Amino acid sequence: LYTDGAVQNPNHRSLAISGFGIWWPTQKLETMLQQSWMGDVPKCVIMEEWMEGVAMWAPLKGTWHSSTRAELAALAMAMQAAIPIHIAIDNKTVVDKATRIIDAVRAEENGAKPQKKIFKKTWELQGDGDLWKAVWEVTKARGAGSIRITKVKGHATDEMVESGAVPK
């Protein structure tokens, strides 16, 4: 599946708005609506069939908006699906930090002593710590082996894919 986030007017905090999208290729809407989710799907999330798959999207609530926060919200929402997932994300920060979380959970699952903190700061003191904590908690609940994250090129054109400049 593919996730993305975006923000408009990022340099004007009072005017900034953001949202996220998730595309589940080859999925059917009926199946997605019937599958179990690890949490409640917020009422603001729209889900519909799109391009031989299912698209989900929603605005981000709150007063703090950034592209990283929007990308992270997409990841956190996608991880709520109670099925094994392979997520393609174009934000290197989100991929790197989420991979550290998955690796830490995997280590605990393999018998390592639980870490009090994975990063230098507690969740509360990190930028977007509320969402990172949610990613941590859902990773622990679903198991690290059920999640795979891959960094992909953002904004790739059809020509870039066809020429082999970016993988299919």
Protein backbone atom coordinates (compact mmCIF):
# COMPACT_ATOMS: atom_id res chain seq x y z
CA LEU A 1 0.00 0.00 0.00
CA TYR A 2 1.06 3.59 -0.51
CA THR A 3 0.73 6.52 1.87
CA ASP A 4 1.27 10.23 1.46
CA GLY A 5 0.72 13.43 3.38
CA ALA A 6 0.58 17.06 2.40
CA VAL A 7 0.31 20.49 3.91
CA GLN A 8 -0.80 23.77 2.36
CA ASN A 9 0.52 27.09 3.65
CA PRO A 10 3.18 25.46 5.87
CA ASN A 11 4.88 28.78 6.59
CA HIS A 12 1.72 30.38 7.99
CA ARG A 13 0.69 28.46 11.06
CA SER A 14 -2.73 30.09 11.29
CA LEU A 15 -3.48 29.27 7.62
CA ALA A 16 -1.89 25.82 7.39
CA ILE A 17 -4.07 22.81 6.62
CA SER A 18 -2.97 19.25 6.02
CA GLY A 19 -4.24 15.81 5.25
CA PHE A 20 -3.19 12.30 4.31
CA GLY A 21 -4.05 9.63 1.84
CA ILE A 22 -3.62 5.87 1.63
CA TRP A 23 -4.02 3.74 -1.48
CA TRP A 24 -4.56 0.02 -1.17
CA PRO A 25 -3.98 -1.37 -4.70
CA THR A 26 -5.92 -4.49 -5.64
CA GLN A 27 -8.19 -4.22 -2.59
CA LYS A 28 -11.97 -4.05 -2.82
CA LEU A 29 -14.01 -1.53 -0.86
CA GLU A 30 -16.38 -4.16 0.50
CA THR A 31 -13.44 -6.18 1.84
CA MET A 32 -11.85 -3.12 3.43
CA LEU A 33 -15.11 -2.13 5.12
CA GLN A 34 -15.58 -5.64 6.52
CA GLN A 35 -12.03 -6.26 7.70
CA SER A 36 -11.17 -5.68 11.32
CA TRP A 37 -9.26 -2.58 12.33
CA MET A 38 -7.14 -2.29 15.45
CA GLY A 39 -8.85 0.95 16.39
CA ASP A 40 -11.84 2.92 15.32
CA VAL A 41 -11.61 4.41 11.85
CA PRO A 42 -12.36 8.11 12.46
CA LYS A 43 -15.60 9.37 10.93
CA CYS A 44 -13.65 12.00 8.98
CA VAL A 45 -11.84 9.29 6.96
CA ILE A 46 -13.27 8.84 3.48
CA MET A 47 -12.88 5.44 1.83
CA GLU A 48 -13.82 4.67 -1.78
CA GLU A 49 -12.84 2.51 -4.75
CA TRP A 50 -10.20 4.18 -6.90
CA MET A 51 -7.89 2.94 -9.68
CA GLU A 52 -8.43 -0.79 -9.10
CA GLY A 53 -7.97 -0.40 -5.37
CA VAL A 54 -9.25 1.49 -2.36
CA ALA A 55 -8.34 5.05 -1.45
CA MET A 56 -8.62 6.48 2.07
CA TRP A 57 -8.04 10.08 2.97
CA ALA A 58 -8.76 12.57 5.71
CA PRO A 59 -7.85 16.02 6.95
CA LEU A 60 -5.62 16.40 9.98
CA LYS A 61 -7.23 18.08 12.93
CA GLY A 62 -5.44 20.40 15.29
CA THR A 63 -3.34 23.51 15.08
CA TRP A 64 0.04 21.99 14.21
CA HIS A 65 0.53 21.02 10.57
CA SER A 66 3.63 19.81 8.74
CA SER A 67 4.29 17.45 5.86
CA THR A 68 6.04 15.02 8.22
CA ARG A 69 3.06 15.04 10.58
CA ALA A 70 0.69 14.37 7.67
CA GLU A 71 2.90 11.50 6.41
CA LEU A 72 3.06 10.08 9.92
CA ALA A 73 -0.72 10.25 10.32
CA ALA A 74 -1.06 8.23 7.10
CA LEU A 75 1.32 5.61 8.46
CA ALA A 76 -0.49 5.42 11.80
CA MET A 77 -3.86 5.03 10.06
CA ALA A 78 -2.60 2.36 7.62
CA MET A 79 -1.12 0.38 10.50
CA GLN A 80 -4.57 0.09 12.06
CA ALA A 81 -5.58 -2.48 9.42
CA ALA A 82 -5.38 -5.88 11.09
CA ILE A 83 -3.60 -7.53 8.13
CA PRO A 84 0.09 -7.86 7.22
CA ILE A 85 1.13 -4.71 5.35
CA HIS A 86 3.95 -3.45 3.16
CA ILE A 87 3.87 0.35 3.15
CA ALA A 88 5.57 2.55 0.55
CA ILE A 89 6.38 6.01 1.90
CA ASP A 90 8.27 8.89 0.24
CA ASN A 91 9.28 10.64 3.48
CA LYS A 92 12.76 9.50 4.59
CA THR A 93 12.33 10.81 8.15
CA VAL A 94 9.15 8.79 8.65
CA VAL A 95 10.67 5.67 7.07
CA ASP A 96 13.85 5.88 9.17
CA LYS A 97 12.12 6.54 12.49
CA ALA A 98 9.37 3.98 11.91
CA THR A 99 12.02 1.40 11.00
CA ARG A 100 13.79 2.08 14.31
CA ILE A 101 10.49 1.52 16.13
CA ILE A 102 9.80 -1.73 14.25
CA ASP A 103 13.35 -2.95 14.93
CA ALA A 104 13.01 -2.15 18.66
CA VAL A 105 9.69 -4.01 18.89
CA ARG A 106 11.19 -6.95 16.96
CA ALA A 107 14.11 -7.07 19.42
CA GLU A 108 11.66 -7.17 22.36
CA GLU A 109 9.68 -9.92 20.65
CA ASN A 110 12.94 -11.89 20.36
CA GLY A 111 13.66 -11.57 24.08
CA ALA A 112 15.57 -8.31 24.40
CA LYS A 113 14.92 -6.21 27.48
CA PRO A 114 12.16 -3.63 26.77
CA GLN A 115 13.57 -0.18 26.12
CA LYS A 116 12.24 2.71 28.18
CA LYS A 117 12.87 5.00 25.22
CA ILE A 118 13.98 4.33 21.69
CA PHE A 119 14.96 7.90 21.02
CA LYS A 120 16.81 10.44 23.16
CA LYS A 121 13.58 12.18 24.17
CA THR A 122 10.37 10.77 25.58
CA TRP A 123 7.32 10.75 23.28
CA GLU A 124 5.96 13.87 24.97
CA LEU A 125 9.10 15.88 24.21
CA GLN A 126 9.44 14.85 20.56
CA GLY A 127 7.99 16.66 17.61
CA ASP A 128 4.84 14.72 16.65
CA GLY A 129 5.43 12.53 19.71
CA ASP A 130 1.72 11.77 20.02
CA LEU A 131 1.72 10.11 16.59
CA TRP A 132 5.07 8.38 17.10
CA LYS A 133 3.76 6.93 20.35
CA ALA A 134 0.69 5.66 18.44
CA VAL A 135 2.99 3.99 15.86
CA TRP A 136 4.96 2.39 18.72
CA GLU A 137 1.82 1.10 20.42
CA VAL A 138 0.20 -0.31 17.28
CA THR A 139 3.51 -1.95 16.26
CA LYS A 140 3.65 -3.67 19.64
CA ALA A 141 0.00 -4.73 19.36
CA ARG A 142 0.20 -6.14 15.83
CA GLY A 143 3.76 -7.50 15.93
CA ALA A 144 6.81 -6.22 14.10
CA GLY A 145 6.75 -9.10 11.62
CA SER A 146 3.44 -7.92 10.16
CA ILE A 147 4.82 -4.57 8.97
CA ARG A 148 7.28 -3.74 6.23
CA ILE A 149 8.15 -0.18 5.21
CA THR A 150 9.93 0.85 2.03
CA LYS A 151 11.21 4.29 1.02
CA VAL A 152 9.98 5.24 -2.45
CA LYS A 153 10.62 8.21 -4.70
CA GLY A 154 7.99 10.87 -4.28
CA HIS A 155 6.39 12.64 -7.20
CA ALA A 156 7.67 10.15 -9.78
CA THR A 157 6.29 10.60 -13.26
CA ASP A 158 5.16 7.83 -15.62
CA GLU A 159 8.19 8.63 -17.76
CA MET A 160 10.54 8.10 -14.81
CA VAL A 161 9.01 4.69 -14.11
CA GLU A 162 8.95 3.64 -17.77
CA SER A 163 12.60 4.66 -18.28
CA GLY A 164 13.66 2.65 -15.22
CA ALA A 165 14.81 5.73 -13.29
CA VAL A 166 12.55 4.59 -10.43
CA PRO A 167 11.40 1.00 -9.77
CA LYS A 168 7.84 -0.11 -10.48
